[in-house]
Amino acid sequence: MAAAQMRKMMEGVVLFAPQVGQLNGYSSGGKTGTAQKIDPVTHTYSKTMHIASFAGFAPVNNPVIAVAIVIDSPKGAYYGADVSGQSSPR
């Protein structure tokens, strides 16, 4: 039951976040992520270096495929939903 609830929540990420792409003809779910990288000079979290990610699966009720997209140091936009969760370039 917990897994089904989690799949439904992750489906909401795809359905209700306008910047996260949907699959035509399939239900899908996923989770975006944004992480700060460690600055090698200061050994603290960088304000300019990031990792953007999206992990997803389809179809929601009986997943048969999973995908993870990780973009190291994206230029410009850096949030996971803006960079790695898009269905097409903006």
N, C-alpha and C. Protein backbone atom coordinates (compact mmCIF):
# COMPACT_ATOMS: atom_id res chain seq x y z
N MET A 1 0.82 -1.18 0.00
CA MET A 1 0.00 0.00 0.00
C MET A 1 0.87 1.26 0.00
N ALA A 2 1.97 1.27 0.75
CA ALA A 2 2.84 2.43 0.79
C ALA A 2 3.47 2.70 -0.58
N ALA A 3 3.85 1.63 -1.29
CA ALA A 3 4.44 1.80 -2.61
C ALA A 3 3.44 2.41 -3.59
N ALA A 4 2.19 2.00 -3.53
CA ALA A 4 1.16 2.56 -4.41
C ALA A 4 0.94 4.04 -4.10
N GLN A 5 0.95 4.39 -2.82
CA GLN A 5 0.80 5.80 -2.45
C GLN A 5 1.98 6.63 -2.95
N MET A 6 3.17 6.09 -2.84
CA MET A 6 4.36 6.80 -3.32
C MET A 6 4.32 6.98 -4.83
N ARG A 7 3.89 5.94 -5.56
CA ARG A 7 3.78 6.07 -7.02
C ARG A 7 2.80 7.16 -7.39
N LYS A 8 1.68 7.26 -6.68
CA LYS A 8 0.68 8.30 -6.95
C LYS A 8 1.25 9.68 -6.68
N MET A 9 1.99 9.83 -5.59
CA MET A 9 2.61 11.13 -5.29
C MET A 9 3.61 11.51 -6.38
N MET A 10 4.38 10.54 -6.84
CA MET A 10 5.37 10.82 -7.88
C MET A 10 4.70 11.09 -9.22
N GLU A 11 3.53 10.52 -9.44
CA GLU A 11 2.76 10.85 -10.64
C GLU A 11 2.35 12.33 -10.59
N GLY A 12 2.03 12.82 -9.41
CA GLY A 12 1.65 14.22 -9.25
C GLY A 12 2.76 15.17 -9.66
N VAL A 13 4.01 14.78 -9.46
CA VAL A 13 5.13 15.61 -9.89
C VAL A 13 5.06 15.83 -11.39
N VAL A 14 4.77 14.78 -12.12
CA VAL A 14 4.72 14.86 -13.58
C VAL A 14 3.45 15.57 -14.05
N LEU A 15 2.33 15.32 -13.38
CA LEU A 15 1.06 15.91 -13.81
C LEU A 15 0.93 17.39 -13.48
N PHE A 16 1.45 17.81 -12.34
CA PHE A 16 1.15 19.15 -11.86
C PHE A 16 2.32 20.12 -11.86
N ALA A 17 3.51 19.68 -12.17
CA ALA A 17 4.64 20.59 -12.31
C ALA A 17 4.77 20.94 -13.79
N PRO A 18 4.47 22.17 -14.17
CA PRO A 18 4.43 22.51 -15.59
C PRO A 18 5.74 22.31 -16.33
N GLN A 19 6.86 22.37 -15.63
CA GLN A 19 8.14 22.23 -16.31
C GLN A 19 8.60 20.79 -16.46
N VAL A 20 7.90 19.84 -15.86
CA VAL A 20 8.29 18.43 -15.95
C VAL A 20 7.46 17.77 -17.04
N GLY A 21 8.13 17.13 -17.99
CA GLY A 21 7.44 16.58 -19.15
C GLY A 21 6.62 15.34 -18.86
N GLN A 22 5.53 15.21 -19.60
CA GLN A 22 4.68 14.02 -19.53
C GLN A 22 4.95 13.16 -20.75
N LEU A 23 4.66 11.88 -20.65
CA LEU A 23 4.80 10.97 -21.78
C LEU A 23 3.46 10.86 -22.50
N ASN A 24 3.48 10.96 -23.79
CA ASN A 24 2.25 10.80 -24.56
C ASN A 24 1.78 9.35 -24.51
N GLY A 25 0.56 9.14 -24.02
CA GLY A 25 -0.03 7.81 -24.03
C GLY A 25 0.32 6.94 -22.84
N TYR A 26 1.13 7.42 -21.91
CA TYR A 26 1.54 6.62 -20.75
C TYR A 26 1.42 7.46 -19.48
N SER A 27 1.06 6.81 -18.39
CA SER A 27 1.16 7.47 -17.10
C SER A 27 2.62 7.35 -16.65
N SER A 28 3.10 8.34 -15.94
CA SER A 28 4.48 8.30 -15.47
C SER A 28 4.60 9.05 -14.16
N GLY A 29 5.64 8.76 -13.43
CA GLY A 29 5.91 9.44 -12.18
C GLY A 29 7.38 9.70 -12.07
N GLY A 30 7.73 10.60 -11.15
CA GLY A 30 9.15 10.88 -10.98
C GLY A 30 9.41 11.88 -9.89
N LYS A 31 10.67 12.19 -9.73
CA LYS A 31 11.11 13.15 -8.71
C LYS A 31 12.29 13.92 -9.25
N THR A 32 12.22 15.23 -9.13
CA THR A 32 13.34 16.07 -9.53
C THR A 32 14.26 16.30 -8.35
N GLY A 33 15.47 16.72 -8.64
CA GLY A 33 16.42 17.01 -7.57
C GLY A 33 17.41 18.07 -7.99
N THR A 34 17.86 18.83 -7.02
CA THR A 34 18.89 19.85 -7.23
C THR A 34 19.85 19.75 -6.05
N ALA A 35 21.14 19.68 -6.34
CA ALA A 35 22.14 19.59 -5.28
C ALA A 35 23.25 20.59 -5.54
N GLN A 36 23.73 21.19 -4.47
CA GLN A 36 24.90 22.04 -4.57
C GLN A 36 26.15 21.15 -4.55
N LYS A 37 27.13 21.52 -5.34
CA LYS A 37 28.40 20.81 -5.33
C LYS A 37 29.33 21.47 -4.32
N ILE A 38 30.34 20.75 -3.92
CA ILE A 38 31.35 21.29 -3.01
C ILE A 38 32.40 22.05 -3.83
N ASP A 39 32.67 23.27 -3.45
CA ASP A 39 33.70 24.07 -4.11
C ASP A 39 35.05 23.49 -3.71
N PRO A 40 35.87 23.08 -4.69
CA PRO A 40 37.15 22.44 -4.35
C PRO A 40 38.15 23.39 -3.68
N VAL A 41 37.95 24.69 -3.84
CA VAL A 41 38.87 25.65 -3.23
C VAL A 41 38.49 25.92 -1.78
N THR A 42 37.20 26.19 -1.53
CA THR A 42 36.77 26.57 -0.18
C THR A 42 36.30 25.39 0.66
N HIS A 43 36.03 24.25 0.01
CA HIS A 43 35.51 23.05 0.69
C HIS A 43 34.17 23.32 1.37
N THR A 44 33.41 24.22 0.80
CA THR A 44 32.05 24.53 1.27
C THR A 44 31.11 24.38 0.09
N TYR A 45 29.79 24.40 0.37
CA TYR A 45 28.82 24.31 -0.72
C TYR A 45 28.97 25.51 -1.65
N SER A 46 29.01 25.23 -2.93
CA SER A 46 29.15 26.27 -3.95
C SER A 46 27.81 26.96 -4.18
N LYS A 47 27.85 28.24 -4.47
CA LYS A 47 26.64 28.97 -4.84
C LYS A 47 26.43 28.96 -6.35
N THR A 48 27.41 28.45 -7.10
CA THR A 48 27.33 28.48 -8.56
C THR A 48 27.43 27.11 -9.22
N MET A 49 27.87 26.09 -8.52
CA MET A 49 28.02 24.75 -9.12
C MET A 49 26.94 23.82 -8.55
N HIS A 50 26.22 23.14 -9.46
CA HIS A 50 25.10 22.30 -9.05
C HIS A 50 25.05 21.00 -9.83
N ILE A 51 24.22 20.09 -9.35
CA ILE A 51 23.84 18.88 -10.07
C ILE A 51 22.32 18.87 -10.14
N ALA A 52 21.77 18.75 -11.34
CA ALA A 52 20.32 18.69 -11.54
C ALA A 52 19.95 17.26 -11.92
N SER A 53 18.80 16.78 -11.42
CA SER A 53 18.44 15.40 -11.72
C SER A 53 16.93 15.21 -11.82
N PHE A 54 16.58 14.14 -12.50
CA PHE A 54 15.20 13.67 -12.56
C PHE A 54 15.25 12.15 -12.63
N ALA A 55 14.50 11.49 -11.75
CA ALA A 55 14.37 10.03 -11.80
C ALA A 55 12.89 9.74 -12.02
N GLY A 56 12.59 8.91 -13.01
CA GLY A 56 11.19 8.65 -13.32
C GLY A 56 10.94 7.21 -13.71
N PHE A 57 9.65 6.87 -13.83
CA PHE A 57 9.25 5.51 -14.19
C PHE A 57 7.90 5.56 -14.90
N ALA A 58 7.59 4.49 -15.62
CA ALA A 58 6.31 4.38 -16.33
C ALA A 58 6.01 2.92 -16.60
N PRO A 59 4.73 2.58 -16.73
CA PRO A 59 3.55 3.33 -16.30
C PRO A 59 3.42 3.30 -14.78
N VAL A 60 2.59 4.18 -14.25
CA VAL A 60 2.51 4.36 -12.79
C VAL A 60 2.05 3.10 -12.07
N ASN A 61 0.99 2.45 -12.55
CA ASN A 61 0.40 1.32 -11.82
C ASN A 61 1.19 0.02 -11.93
N ASN A 62 1.97 -0.12 -12.98
CA ASN A 62 2.75 -1.34 -13.17
C ASN A 62 4.05 -0.98 -13.89
N PRO A 63 5.00 -0.33 -13.18
CA PRO A 63 6.21 0.17 -13.83
C PRO A 63 7.01 -0.93 -14.51
N VAL A 64 7.45 -0.63 -15.73
CA VAL A 64 8.32 -1.55 -16.45
C VAL A 64 9.59 -0.86 -16.94
N ILE A 65 9.66 0.45 -16.76
CA ILE A 65 10.87 1.17 -17.14
C ILE A 65 11.17 2.25 -16.11
N ALA A 66 12.43 2.43 -15.84
CA ALA A 66 12.88 3.49 -14.94
C ALA A 66 14.02 4.24 -15.64
N VAL A 67 14.06 5.54 -15.43
CA VAL A 67 15.06 6.38 -16.07
C VAL A 67 15.61 7.36 -15.05
N ALA A 68 16.90 7.58 -15.09
CA ALA A 68 17.52 8.62 -14.26
C ALA A 68 18.34 9.53 -15.15
N ILE A 69 18.13 10.82 -15.01
CA ILE A 69 18.86 11.82 -15.78
C ILE A 69 19.61 12.68 -14.77
N VAL A 70 20.91 12.77 -14.92
CA VAL A 70 21.74 13.56 -14.02
C VAL A 70 22.59 14.49 -14.87
N ILE A 71 22.50 15.79 -14.60
CA ILE A 71 23.27 16.77 -15.35
C ILE A 71 24.23 17.46 -14.39
N ASP A 72 25.50 17.27 -14.63
CA ASP A 72 26.55 17.82 -13.79
C ASP A 72 26.90 19.22 -14.29
N SER A 73 26.77 20.20 -13.44
CA SER A 73 27.12 21.59 -13.72
C SER A 73 26.37 22.18 -14.92
N PRO A 74 25.03 22.18 -14.88
CA PRO A 74 24.29 22.80 -15.97
C PRO A 74 24.58 24.30 -16.03
N LYS A 75 24.48 24.86 -17.21
CA LYS A 75 24.71 26.30 -17.41
C LYS A 75 23.37 27.02 -17.42
N GLY A 76 23.29 28.17 -16.81
CA GLY A 76 22.04 28.93 -16.75
C GLY A 76 21.16 28.35 -15.66
N ALA A 77 19.97 27.89 -16.05
CA ALA A 77 19.05 27.27 -15.09
C ALA A 77 19.73 26.03 -14.50
N TYR A 78 19.46 25.75 -13.23
CA TYR A 78 20.11 24.59 -12.61
C TYR A 78 19.19 23.74 -11.76
N TYR A 79 17.93 24.13 -11.58
CA TYR A 79 17.01 23.30 -10.81
C TYR A 79 16.67 22.04 -11.59
N GLY A 80 16.53 20.92 -10.89
CA GLY A 80 16.26 19.65 -11.54
C GLY A 80 15.05 19.69 -12.46
N ALA A 81 13.96 20.32 -12.02
CA ALA A 81 12.75 20.39 -12.85
C ALA A 81 12.98 21.22 -14.10
N ASP A 82 13.76 22.27 -14.00
CA ASP A 82 14.00 23.15 -15.16
C ASP A 82 14.95 22.54 -16.17
N VAL A 83 15.88 21.72 -15.71
CA VAL A 83 16.95 21.24 -16.59
C VAL A 83 16.76 19.79 -17.01
N SER A 84 16.56 18.89 -16.07
CA SER A 84 16.55 17.47 -16.40
C SER A 84 15.17 16.85 -16.49
N GLY A 85 14.14 17.57 -16.10
CA GLY A 85 12.79 17.02 -16.15
C GLY A 85 11.98 17.48 -17.33
N GLN A 86 12.59 18.23 -18.23
CA GLN A 86 11.85 18.75 -19.37
C GLN A 86 11.63 17.69 -20.43
N SER A 87 10.46 17.75 -21.06
CA SER A 87 10.19 16.83 -22.16
C SER A 87 10.77 17.35 -23.47
N SER A 88 11.01 18.65 -23.55
CA SER A 88 11.62 19.22 -24.74
C SER A 88 12.38 20.47 -24.33
N PRO A 89 13.41 20.83 -25.09
CA PRO A 89 14.19 22.03 -24.73
C PRO A 89 13.33 23.27 -24.74
N ARG A 90 13.63 24.20 -23.85
CA ARG A 90 12.91 25.47 -23.80
C ARG A 90 13.81 26.61 -24.18
